[in-house]
Each structure stands twice: as C-alpha cells, then as structure tokens.
Amino acid sequence: MHKVALAALALTLSAQAAAQQGEVTLYTQGHFKGPSRTIDQATTALPAMTVKSVKVAPGTAWELCSGNTFTGCKQFSQSDDGTVQSVRSVRPIAPPIAESVALPSAGPIAGAGPSLKGLASEFFPVPAQGGSRVEAATSTASTVATDFCRQHGWRAAAYHRIQTIEGRTFLADVLCTRD
C-alpha cells in the first residue's frame, strides 16, 4: 500500500511541477556569468555541464541532477550565484506546502484545489469540504483523514499530514485508497 501511496504522490508532484510556469538558467561561471542554458521543462541526457550558478524563476523549484535520469539531484527553489555541480538532467518540482504559515486575515481558511484520481486511489494536496480546509487535531488526524476519504467514496486514508495555519491544524496531502 505504501508503494501505491508513493506512486500517487510522485504523480501528483510531477503534475504540479509540470503546471508551474517558469524556467531555470544554468551558468558555467559564478555570479550568473559565462555561457548559459535556459530550460523550461524536464530534460534528460544533457551533455555534461559544470554549473557554477543557477537562476530560478520566482515561485518555482527545480532539481539539478548529475545522472542522466534524475539521480544525484539537488533542489533549488531560489537562485544561487555560487554553486558547483555537474548536471546531466533537470526537472521542475512542486514547491512543498509549508507546515506552518501565517495569514493576514482571520476567519475561515479557504481550501480547494484539484485532486489526482487514479484507478485505486485519489490524492488531495489541500483537502476541503464546502470550500473550507478540513480541520483536524494532531491526535485525531488519522480518523478525520479516513472520514474525509469515505465521504469521497474511498475506504481508507493510506497517507496524510497536517499543516498549521494561525495556530489551527488542517489536513494536507491525503491519499485515499480502496484498501
């Protein structure tokens, strides 16, 4: 069941990463100088390139990998003017949801967002009911996640996390399954 959960999570993150706008520019010298290559999608089997600075579009995150097929990767969510890494493959990744965030206004915490539905599971990065996030205390999150999944036609929650916003805890990253 954990393999199914990880596969669904990987597919969701790939879909989110593909949907993000932006690009990454790789430079052969530090401080964003020298020959460069701009990439806007997952790319494998690049000619070996020693990258010494990386410019990342705001709001995006990328993996720069030393292997041809996304192995030996290092994540970049902001530009870095002084790094040294051999790069053979590059791909966008979804930035993580922060475990704890502060919002400027009080009131209900809006929630919604797409899910990724497969034959045997459905992944909800930001679970919501009636347009609001699903609240769950740390001690009851497992039960709340299972109830959420059952309300969406599934039998169990194979995976879930909680996210704290303004001192309140909410479900996040819920994977619903038939098992």
N, C-alpha and C. Protein backbone atom coordinates (compact mmCIF):
# COMPACT_ATOMS: atom_id res chain seq x y z
N MET A 1 0.83 -1.18 0.00
CA MET A 1 0.00 0.00 0.00
C MET A 1 0.88 1.25 0.00
N HIS A 2 2.05 1.19 0.65
CA HIS A 2 2.93 2.36 0.66
C HIS A 2 3.47 2.65 -0.74
N LYS A 3 3.67 1.58 -1.56
CA LYS A 3 4.12 1.81 -2.92
C LYS A 3 3.08 2.58 -3.71
N VAL A 4 1.80 2.22 -3.52
CA VAL A 4 0.71 2.93 -4.19
C VAL A 4 0.70 4.39 -3.74
N ALA A 5 0.85 4.60 -2.42
CA ALA A 5 0.84 5.97 -1.88
C ALA A 5 1.98 6.78 -2.47
N LEU A 6 3.17 6.21 -2.51
CA LEU A 6 4.31 6.93 -3.05
C LEU A 6 4.17 7.19 -4.54
N ALA A 7 3.62 6.21 -5.27
CA ALA A 7 3.42 6.40 -6.70
C ALA A 7 2.42 7.52 -6.96
N ALA A 8 1.32 7.55 -6.22
CA ALA A 8 0.33 8.61 -6.40
C ALA A 8 0.91 9.97 -6.03
N LEU A 9 1.69 10.01 -4.96
CA LEU A 9 2.32 11.26 -4.54
C LEU A 9 3.29 11.74 -5.61
N ALA A 10 4.08 10.83 -6.16
CA ALA A 10 5.03 11.20 -7.22
C ALA A 10 4.31 11.73 -8.45
N LEU A 11 3.21 11.08 -8.84
CA LEU A 11 2.45 11.55 -10.00
C LEU A 11 1.86 12.93 -9.76
N THR A 12 1.34 13.15 -8.57
CA THR A 12 0.77 14.45 -8.25
C THR A 12 1.84 15.54 -8.28
N LEU A 13 2.97 15.26 -7.68
CA LEU A 13 4.04 16.25 -7.66
C LEU A 13 4.54 16.52 -9.07
N SER A 14 4.62 15.48 -9.91
CA SER A 14 5.03 15.69 -11.30
C SER A 14 4.02 16.55 -12.03
N ALA A 15 2.73 16.30 -11.82
CA ALA A 15 1.68 17.08 -12.47
C ALA A 15 1.74 18.53 -12.01
N GLN A 16 1.93 18.74 -10.71
CA GLN A 16 2.02 20.10 -10.19
C GLN A 16 3.25 20.80 -10.75
N ALA A 17 4.36 20.08 -10.80
CA ALA A 17 5.59 20.68 -11.31
C ALA A 17 5.44 21.04 -12.78
N ALA A 18 4.79 20.17 -13.55
CA ALA A 18 4.60 20.45 -14.97
C ALA A 18 3.72 21.67 -15.16
N ALA A 19 2.79 21.89 -14.24
CA ALA A 19 1.86 23.01 -14.37
C ALA A 19 2.49 24.34 -13.98
N GLN A 20 3.59 24.32 -13.24
CA GLN A 20 4.17 25.57 -12.81
C GLN A 20 4.81 26.29 -13.99
N GLN A 21 4.72 27.60 -13.99
CA GLN A 21 5.32 28.40 -15.04
C GLN A 21 6.74 28.74 -14.61
N GLY A 22 7.60 28.97 -15.56
CA GLY A 22 8.94 29.42 -15.22
C GLY A 22 10.01 28.59 -15.87
N GLU A 23 11.20 28.97 -15.53
CA GLU A 23 12.35 28.31 -16.12
C GLU A 23 13.53 28.42 -15.18
N VAL A 24 14.57 27.68 -15.51
CA VAL A 24 15.81 27.73 -14.76
C VAL A 24 16.93 27.99 -15.77
N THR A 25 17.87 28.83 -15.39
CA THR A 25 19.01 29.10 -16.26
C THR A 25 20.27 28.64 -15.55
N LEU A 26 21.05 27.82 -16.25
CA LEU A 26 22.29 27.25 -15.71
C LEU A 26 23.47 28.00 -16.31
N TYR A 27 24.39 28.43 -15.46
CA TYR A 27 25.56 29.19 -15.90
C TYR A 27 26.83 28.40 -15.62
N THR A 28 27.81 28.52 -16.52
CA THR A 28 29.08 27.82 -16.35
C THR A 28 30.05 28.57 -15.45
N GLN A 29 29.70 29.80 -15.08
CA GLN A 29 30.54 30.59 -14.17
C GLN A 29 29.67 31.12 -13.04
N GLY A 30 30.32 31.47 -11.94
CA GLY A 30 29.61 32.03 -10.81
C GLY A 30 29.04 33.41 -11.12
N HIS A 31 28.15 33.87 -10.25
CA HIS A 31 27.54 35.20 -10.36
C HIS A 31 26.80 35.39 -11.68
N PHE A 32 26.20 34.31 -12.19
CA PHE A 32 25.35 34.34 -13.38
C PHE A 32 26.08 34.85 -14.62
N LYS A 33 27.31 34.39 -14.79
CA LYS A 33 28.13 34.80 -15.93
C LYS A 33 28.55 33.59 -16.74
N GLY A 34 29.07 33.87 -17.91
CA GLY A 34 29.55 32.81 -18.79
C GLY A 34 28.44 32.22 -19.62
N PRO A 35 28.78 31.23 -20.43
CA PRO A 35 27.77 30.57 -21.24
C PRO A 35 26.66 30.01 -20.35
N SER A 36 25.43 30.06 -20.87
CA SER A 36 24.30 29.60 -20.07
C SER A 36 23.35 28.77 -20.92
N ARG A 37 22.48 28.08 -20.22
CA ARG A 37 21.43 27.30 -20.89
C ARG A 37 20.15 27.48 -20.08
N THR A 38 19.08 27.91 -20.75
CA THR A 38 17.79 28.09 -20.10
C THR A 38 16.91 26.89 -20.42
N ILE A 39 16.27 26.35 -19.38
CA ILE A 39 15.44 25.15 -19.51
C ILE A 39 14.07 25.45 -18.93
N ASP A 40 13.00 25.02 -19.64
CA ASP A 40 11.65 25.29 -19.17
C ASP A 40 10.81 24.02 -18.99
N GLN A 41 11.45 22.86 -19.07
CA GLN A 41 10.74 21.59 -18.87
C GLN A 41 11.74 20.52 -18.46
N ALA A 42 11.24 19.38 -18.02
CA ALA A 42 12.12 18.28 -17.64
C ALA A 42 12.97 17.89 -18.84
N THR A 43 14.27 17.73 -18.59
CA THR A 43 15.21 17.43 -19.66
C THR A 43 16.20 16.38 -19.17
N THR A 44 16.39 15.33 -19.95
CA THR A 44 17.34 14.27 -19.59
C THR A 44 18.48 14.22 -20.60
N ALA A 45 19.51 13.50 -20.22
CA ALA A 45 20.66 13.23 -21.09
C ALA A 45 21.28 14.50 -21.68
N LEU A 46 21.41 15.52 -20.86
CA LEU A 46 22.11 16.74 -21.29
C LEU A 46 23.59 16.41 -21.45
N PRO A 47 24.29 17.10 -22.34
CA PRO A 47 25.75 16.96 -22.36
C PRO A 47 26.27 17.42 -21.00
N ALA A 48 27.25 16.72 -20.45
CA ALA A 48 27.77 17.07 -19.12
C ALA A 48 28.11 18.55 -19.06
N MET A 49 27.62 19.20 -18.01
CA MET A 49 27.84 20.64 -17.84
C MET A 49 28.16 20.89 -16.37
N THR A 50 29.23 21.61 -16.12
CA THR A 50 29.52 22.00 -14.75
C THR A 50 28.86 23.34 -14.52
N VAL A 51 27.87 23.34 -13.62
CA VAL A 51 27.09 24.53 -13.33
C VAL A 51 27.69 25.22 -12.11
N LYS A 52 27.94 26.52 -12.24
CA LYS A 52 28.53 27.27 -11.13
C LYS A 52 27.60 28.36 -10.59
N SER A 53 26.48 28.60 -11.26
CA SER A 53 25.42 29.45 -10.72
C SER A 53 24.11 29.09 -11.42
N VAL A 54 23.01 29.30 -10.69
CA VAL A 54 21.69 28.89 -11.14
C VAL A 54 20.71 30.03 -10.90
N LYS A 55 19.96 30.41 -11.94
CA LYS A 55 18.93 31.43 -11.78
C LYS A 55 17.57 30.73 -11.90
N VAL A 56 16.78 30.79 -10.80
CA VAL A 56 15.48 30.12 -10.73
C VAL A 56 14.37 31.16 -10.78
N ALA A 57 13.39 30.94 -11.65
CA ALA A 57 12.25 31.85 -11.74
C ALA A 57 11.53 31.88 -10.39
N PRO A 58 11.11 33.05 -9.92
CA PRO A 58 10.41 33.16 -8.64
C PRO A 58 9.18 32.25 -8.57
N GLY A 59 9.01 31.61 -7.43
CA GLY A 59 7.86 30.75 -7.22
C GLY A 59 7.98 29.36 -7.80
N THR A 60 9.15 29.04 -8.37
CA THR A 60 9.35 27.72 -8.93
C THR A 60 10.46 27.01 -8.16
N ALA A 61 10.55 25.71 -8.37
CA ALA A 61 11.62 24.91 -7.78
C ALA A 61 12.07 23.89 -8.81
N TRP A 62 13.36 23.59 -8.81
CA TRP A 62 13.95 22.70 -9.80
C TRP A 62 14.90 21.73 -9.14
N GLU A 63 15.06 20.56 -9.76
CA GLU A 63 16.09 19.61 -9.37
C GLU A 63 17.14 19.59 -10.47
N LEU A 64 18.39 19.77 -10.07
CA LEU A 64 19.52 19.63 -10.98
C LEU A 64 20.20 18.33 -10.59
N CYS A 65 20.39 17.45 -11.56
CA CYS A 65 20.84 16.10 -11.26
C CYS A 65 22.12 15.75 -12.02
N SER A 66 23.00 15.01 -11.38
CA SER A 66 24.25 14.60 -12.01
C SER A 66 24.07 13.39 -12.91
N GLY A 67 23.01 12.62 -12.71
CA GLY A 67 22.73 11.46 -13.56
C GLY A 67 21.82 11.82 -14.73
N ASN A 68 21.87 11.01 -15.79
CA ASN A 68 21.05 11.25 -16.98
C ASN A 68 19.56 11.15 -16.72
N THR A 69 19.17 10.37 -15.71
CA THR A 69 17.75 10.10 -15.46
C THR A 69 17.36 10.50 -14.04
N PHE A 70 17.67 11.71 -13.66
CA PHE A 70 17.25 12.30 -12.39
C PHE A 70 17.78 11.54 -11.17
N THR A 71 19.06 11.25 -11.17
CA THR A 71 19.71 10.68 -9.99
C THR A 71 20.79 11.66 -9.55
N GLY A 72 21.13 11.61 -8.28
CA GLY A 72 22.13 12.53 -7.73
C GLY A 72 21.66 13.98 -7.81
N CYS A 73 20.44 14.22 -7.37
CA CYS A 73 19.80 15.53 -7.54
C CYS A 73 19.99 16.46 -6.35
N LYS A 74 19.98 17.74 -6.65
CA LYS A 74 19.98 18.80 -5.64
C LYS A 74 18.85 19.76 -6.00
N GLN A 75 18.05 20.15 -5.00
CA GLN A 75 16.91 21.02 -5.24
C GLN A 75 17.29 22.49 -5.11
N PHE A 76 16.70 23.31 -5.99
CA PHE A 76 16.89 24.76 -5.96
C PHE A 76 15.52 25.42 -6.04
N SER A 77 15.17 26.20 -5.01
CA SER A 77 13.91 26.95 -5.04
C SER A 77 14.18 28.45 -5.13
N GLN A 78 15.45 28.80 -5.17
CA GLN A 78 15.84 30.20 -5.37
C GLN A 78 17.18 30.23 -6.09
N SER A 79 17.50 31.36 -6.66
CA SER A 79 18.74 31.49 -7.41
C SER A 79 19.93 31.33 -6.48
N ASP A 80 21.03 30.83 -7.05
CA ASP A 80 22.26 30.61 -6.29
C ASP A 80 23.41 31.06 -7.19
N ASP A 81 24.16 32.09 -6.75
CA ASP A 81 25.23 32.62 -7.59
C ASP A 81 26.57 31.94 -7.35
N GLY A 82 26.62 30.94 -6.48
CA GLY A 82 27.88 30.26 -6.21
C GLY A 82 27.71 28.81 -5.82
N THR A 83 27.54 27.95 -6.79
CA THR A 83 27.42 26.51 -6.55
C THR A 83 28.33 25.82 -7.55
N VAL A 84 28.65 24.57 -7.31
CA VAL A 84 29.40 23.79 -8.28
C VAL A 84 28.76 22.42 -8.35
N GLN A 85 28.25 22.09 -9.54
CA GLN A 85 27.59 20.80 -9.70
C GLN A 85 27.63 20.37 -11.16
N SER A 86 27.93 19.10 -11.37
CA SER A 86 27.84 18.53 -12.70
C SER A 86 26.37 18.21 -12.96
N VAL A 87 25.85 18.65 -14.10
CA VAL A 87 24.43 18.48 -14.39
C VAL A 87 24.25 17.72 -15.70
N ARG A 88 23.43 16.65 -15.64
CA ARG A 88 23.09 15.85 -16.83
C ARG A 88 21.59 15.78 -17.07
N SER A 89 20.78 16.09 -16.02
CA SER A 89 19.32 16.14 -16.19
C SER A 89 18.75 17.18 -15.25
N VAL A 90 17.61 17.77 -15.65
CA VAL A 90 16.99 18.86 -14.91
C VAL A 90 15.47 18.66 -14.98
N ARG A 91 14.78 18.94 -13.86
CA ARG A 91 13.31 18.88 -13.91
C ARG A 91 12.71 19.84 -12.90
N PRO A 92 11.51 20.38 -13.25
CA PRO A 92 10.80 21.22 -12.29
C PRO A 92 10.19 20.33 -11.23
N ILE A 93 10.09 20.84 -10.02
CA ILE A 93 9.42 20.12 -8.94
C ILE A 93 8.42 21.06 -8.29
N ALA A 94 7.43 20.49 -7.66
CA ALA A 94 6.44 21.30 -6.97
C ALA A 94 7.03 21.78 -5.66
N PRO A 95 6.94 23.08 -5.37
CA PRO A 95 7.42 23.55 -4.08
C PRO A 95 6.58 22.93 -2.96
N PRO A 96 7.19 22.60 -1.83
CA PRO A 96 6.44 21.97 -0.75
C PRO A 96 5.45 22.93 -0.11
N ILE A 97 4.37 22.37 0.43
CA ILE A 97 3.43 23.16 1.22
C ILE A 97 4.09 23.37 2.58
N ALA A 98 4.13 24.60 3.05
CA ALA A 98 4.74 24.88 4.34
C ALA A 98 3.93 24.22 5.45
N GLU A 99 4.62 23.66 6.45
CA GLU A 99 3.91 23.04 7.57
C GLU A 99 3.21 24.08 8.42
N SER A 100 3.78 25.26 8.50
CA SER A 100 3.19 26.30 9.32
C SER A 100 3.28 27.62 8.56
N VAL A 101 2.14 28.29 8.41
CA VAL A 101 2.12 29.57 7.72
C VAL A 101 1.26 30.55 8.49
N ALA A 102 1.45 31.81 8.24
CA ALA A 102 0.62 32.84 8.86
C ALA A 102 -0.15 33.55 7.76
N LEU A 103 -1.40 33.83 8.02
CA LEU A 103 -2.24 34.54 7.06
C LEU A 103 -2.60 35.90 7.63
N PRO A 104 -2.77 36.90 6.76
CA PRO A 104 -3.04 38.25 7.24
C PRO A 104 -4.43 38.45 7.83
N SER A 105 -5.41 37.65 7.45
CA SER A 105 -6.76 37.88 7.96
C SER A 105 -7.29 36.67 8.71
N ALA A 106 -8.24 36.92 9.61
CA ALA A 106 -8.86 35.84 10.38
C ALA A 106 -10.06 35.31 9.62
N GLY A 107 -10.70 34.31 10.16
CA GLY A 107 -11.90 33.74 9.55
C GLY A 107 -11.63 32.37 8.98
N PRO A 108 -12.58 31.86 8.19
CA PRO A 108 -12.40 30.52 7.62
C PRO A 108 -11.19 30.48 6.71
N ILE A 109 -10.53 29.36 6.71
CA ILE A 109 -9.38 29.16 5.84
C ILE A 109 -9.89 28.47 4.57
N ALA A 110 -9.82 29.18 3.47
CA ALA A 110 -10.34 28.64 2.22
C ALA A 110 -9.51 27.45 1.78
N GLY A 111 -10.17 26.52 1.19
CA GLY A 111 -9.49 25.35 0.67
C GLY A 111 -10.18 24.88 -0.57
N ALA A 112 -9.47 24.27 -1.38
CA ALA A 112 -9.99 23.67 -2.61
C ALA A 112 -8.79 23.17 -3.34
N GLY A 113 -8.94 23.00 -4.57
CA GLY A 113 -7.81 22.58 -5.36
C GLY A 113 -8.06 21.23 -5.97
N PRO A 114 -7.32 20.96 -6.99
CA PRO A 114 -7.52 19.72 -7.72
C PRO A 114 -7.00 18.52 -6.93
N SER A 115 -7.56 17.38 -7.26
CA SER A 115 -7.04 16.12 -6.74
C SER A 115 -6.51 15.35 -7.94
N LEU A 116 -5.74 14.33 -7.65
CA LEU A 116 -5.25 13.44 -8.69
C LEU A 116 -5.89 12.09 -8.45
N LYS A 117 -6.77 11.70 -9.36
CA LYS A 117 -7.54 10.47 -9.18
C LYS A 117 -7.05 9.39 -10.12
N GLY A 118 -6.78 8.24 -9.54
CA GLY A 118 -6.37 7.08 -10.32
C GLY A 118 -7.41 5.98 -10.19
N LEU A 119 -7.06 4.78 -10.64
CA LEU A 119 -7.99 3.66 -10.56
C LEU A 119 -8.19 3.18 -9.13
N ALA A 120 -7.15 3.22 -8.33
CA ALA A 120 -7.24 2.66 -6.98
C ALA A 120 -6.97 3.67 -5.87
N SER A 121 -6.80 4.96 -6.23
CA SER A 121 -6.53 5.95 -5.20
C SER A 121 -6.81 7.36 -5.72
N GLU A 122 -6.87 8.30 -4.77
CA GLU A 122 -7.03 9.71 -5.11
C GLU A 122 -6.23 10.52 -4.10
N PHE A 123 -5.45 11.48 -4.59
CA PHE A 123 -4.58 12.28 -3.75
C PHE A 123 -5.12 13.70 -3.68
N PHE A 124 -5.29 14.21 -2.44
CA PHE A 124 -5.79 15.56 -2.19
C PHE A 124 -4.70 16.36 -1.49
N PRO A 125 -3.96 17.23 -2.20
CA PRO A 125 -2.91 18.03 -1.55
C PRO A 125 -3.48 19.00 -0.51
N VAL A 126 -4.66 19.59 -0.79
CA VAL A 126 -5.29 20.56 0.11
C VAL A 126 -6.76 20.15 0.30
N PRO A 127 -7.01 19.17 1.18
CA PRO A 127 -8.38 18.68 1.36
C PRO A 127 -9.33 19.77 1.86
N ALA A 128 -10.53 19.81 1.26
CA ALA A 128 -11.52 20.81 1.64
C ALA A 128 -12.91 20.19 1.59
N GLN A 129 -13.80 20.71 2.42
CA GLN A 129 -15.21 20.35 2.43
C GLN A 129 -15.98 21.66 2.41
N GLY A 130 -16.89 21.82 1.50
CA GLY A 130 -17.69 23.04 1.43
C GLY A 130 -16.87 24.30 1.23
N GLY A 131 -15.75 24.20 0.55
CA GLY A 131 -14.91 25.37 0.28
C GLY A 131 -13.96 25.77 1.39
N SER A 132 -13.96 25.02 2.51
CA SER A 132 -13.05 25.33 3.62
C SER A 132 -12.14 24.15 3.90
N ARG A 133 -10.94 24.45 4.36
CA ARG A 133 -9.99 23.41 4.73
C ARG A 133 -10.59 22.50 5.79
N VAL A 134 -10.14 21.24 5.82
CA VAL A 134 -10.61 20.26 6.80
C VAL A 134 -9.71 20.37 8.03
N GLU A 135 -10.31 20.79 9.14
CA GLU A 135 -9.56 20.94 10.38
C GLU A 135 -9.42 19.60 11.08
N ALA A 136 -8.26 19.36 11.70
CA ALA A 136 -8.01 18.10 12.39
C ALA A 136 -6.94 18.29 13.44
N ALA A 137 -7.23 17.92 14.68
CA ALA A 137 -6.21 17.95 15.73
C ALA A 137 -5.18 16.87 15.42
N THR A 138 -3.96 17.08 15.86
CA THR A 138 -2.90 16.11 15.61
C THR A 138 -3.30 14.72 16.08
N SER A 139 -3.94 14.62 17.23
CA SER A 139 -4.30 13.33 17.80
C SER A 139 -5.43 12.63 17.04
N THR A 140 -6.24 13.37 16.29
CA THR A 140 -7.37 12.77 15.58
C THR A 140 -7.23 12.84 14.07
N ALA A 141 -6.10 13.28 13.57
CA ALA A 141 -5.91 13.49 12.13
C ALA A 141 -6.14 12.22 11.33
N SER A 142 -5.70 11.08 11.84
CA SER A 142 -5.88 9.83 11.12
C SER A 142 -7.36 9.51 10.93
N THR A 143 -8.16 9.67 11.98
CA THR A 143 -9.59 9.41 11.91
C THR A 143 -10.27 10.42 10.98
N VAL A 144 -9.91 11.68 11.08
CA VAL A 144 -10.50 12.71 10.23
C VAL A 144 -10.15 12.45 8.76
N ALA A 145 -8.90 12.04 8.49
CA ALA A 145 -8.49 11.73 7.12
C ALA A 145 -9.29 10.55 6.57
N THR A 146 -9.48 9.51 7.38
CA THR A 146 -10.27 8.36 6.95
C THR A 146 -11.71 8.78 6.66
N ASP A 147 -12.30 9.58 7.53
CA ASP A 147 -13.67 10.08 7.32
C ASP A 147 -13.75 10.90 6.03
N PHE A 148 -12.76 11.75 5.80
CA PHE A 148 -12.71 12.55 4.58
C PHE A 148 -12.71 11.65 3.35
N CYS A 149 -11.88 10.61 3.38
CA CYS A 149 -11.80 9.68 2.25
C CYS A 149 -13.13 8.97 2.03
N ARG A 150 -13.76 8.53 3.10
CA ARG A 150 -15.04 7.84 2.98
C ARG A 150 -16.11 8.75 2.39
N GLN A 151 -16.07 10.03 2.74
CA GLN A 151 -17.02 10.99 2.18
C GLN A 151 -16.81 11.19 0.68
N HIS A 152 -15.61 10.84 0.21
CA HIS A 152 -15.30 10.97 -1.22
C HIS A 152 -15.34 9.62 -1.93
N GLY A 153 -15.94 8.60 -1.28
CA GLY A 153 -16.14 7.31 -1.93
C GLY A 153 -15.01 6.31 -1.80
N TRP A 154 -14.05 6.57 -0.93
CA TRP A 154 -12.93 5.67 -0.73
C TRP A 154 -13.07 4.98 0.62
N ARG A 155 -12.31 3.92 0.85
CA ARG A 155 -12.43 3.16 2.09
C ARG A 155 -11.45 3.58 3.17
N ALA A 156 -10.28 4.11 2.78
CA ALA A 156 -9.25 4.38 3.79
C ALA A 156 -8.36 5.54 3.36
N ALA A 157 -7.65 6.08 4.34
CA ALA A 157 -6.62 7.08 4.09
C ALA A 157 -5.27 6.39 4.29
N ALA A 158 -4.55 6.18 3.21
CA ALA A 158 -3.26 5.48 3.29
C ALA A 158 -2.14 6.42 3.76
N TYR A 159 -2.34 7.72 3.61
CA TYR A 159 -1.29 8.69 3.95
C TYR A 159 -1.96 10.03 4.22
N HIS A 160 -1.44 10.76 5.19
CA HIS A 160 -1.92 12.12 5.45
C HIS A 160 -0.86 12.88 6.25
N ARG A 161 -0.94 14.17 6.19
CA ARG A 161 -0.11 15.05 7.00
C ARG A 161 -1.01 16.15 7.53
N ILE A 162 -0.49 16.94 8.47
CA ILE A 162 -1.23 18.10 8.94
C ILE A 162 -0.41 19.35 8.66
N GLN A 163 -1.11 20.46 8.53
CA GLN A 163 -0.49 21.76 8.28
C GLN A 163 -1.06 22.73 9.30
N THR A 164 -0.19 23.54 9.92
CA THR A 164 -0.63 24.51 10.91
C THR A 164 -0.71 25.89 10.28
N ILE A 165 -1.89 26.52 10.43
CA ILE A 165 -2.11 27.87 9.92
C ILE A 165 -2.75 28.67 11.05
N GLU A 166 -2.07 29.73 11.46
CA GLU A 166 -2.54 30.60 12.54
C GLU A 166 -2.96 29.80 13.78
N GLY A 167 -2.16 28.81 14.13
CA GLY A 167 -2.40 28.02 15.33
C GLY A 167 -3.46 26.95 15.18
N ARG A 168 -4.06 26.82 14.00
CA ARG A 168 -5.05 25.77 13.74
C ARG A 168 -4.42 24.71 12.86
N THR A 169 -4.83 23.46 13.04
CA THR A 169 -4.25 22.38 12.24
C THR A 169 -5.27 21.86 11.23
N PHE A 170 -4.77 21.60 10.03
CA PHE A 170 -5.61 21.16 8.92
C PHE A 170 -4.98 19.95 8.25
N LEU A 171 -5.83 19.13 7.62
CA LEU A 171 -5.32 18.01 6.84
C LEU A 171 -4.58 18.54 5.61
N ALA A 172 -3.56 17.81 5.20
CA ALA A 172 -2.83 18.11 3.97
C ALA A 172 -2.33 16.79 3.41
N ASP A 173 -2.13 16.75 2.12
CA ASP A 173 -1.55 15.57 1.45
C ASP A 173 -2.25 14.28 1.84
N VAL A 174 -3.54 14.19 1.61
CA VAL A 174 -4.30 12.99 1.97
C VAL A 174 -4.40 12.08 0.74
N LEU A 175 -4.00 10.82 0.91
CA LEU A 175 -4.10 9.81 -0.12
C LEU A 175 -5.19 8.83 0.26
N CYS A 176 -6.26 8.82 -0.50
CA CYS A 176 -7.39 7.92 -0.25
C CYS A 176 -7.27 6.69 -1.14
N THR A 177 -7.58 5.52 -0.56
CA THR A 177 -7.48 4.26 -1.31
C THR A 177 -8.68 3.38 -1.08
N ARG A 178 -8.77 2.32 -1.84
CA ARG A 178 -9.84 1.32 -1.67
C ARG A 178 -9.55 0.40 -0.50
N ASP A 179 -8.30 0.21 -0.17
CA ASP A 179 -7.90 -0.74 0.89
C ASP A 179 -8.02 -0.15 2.27
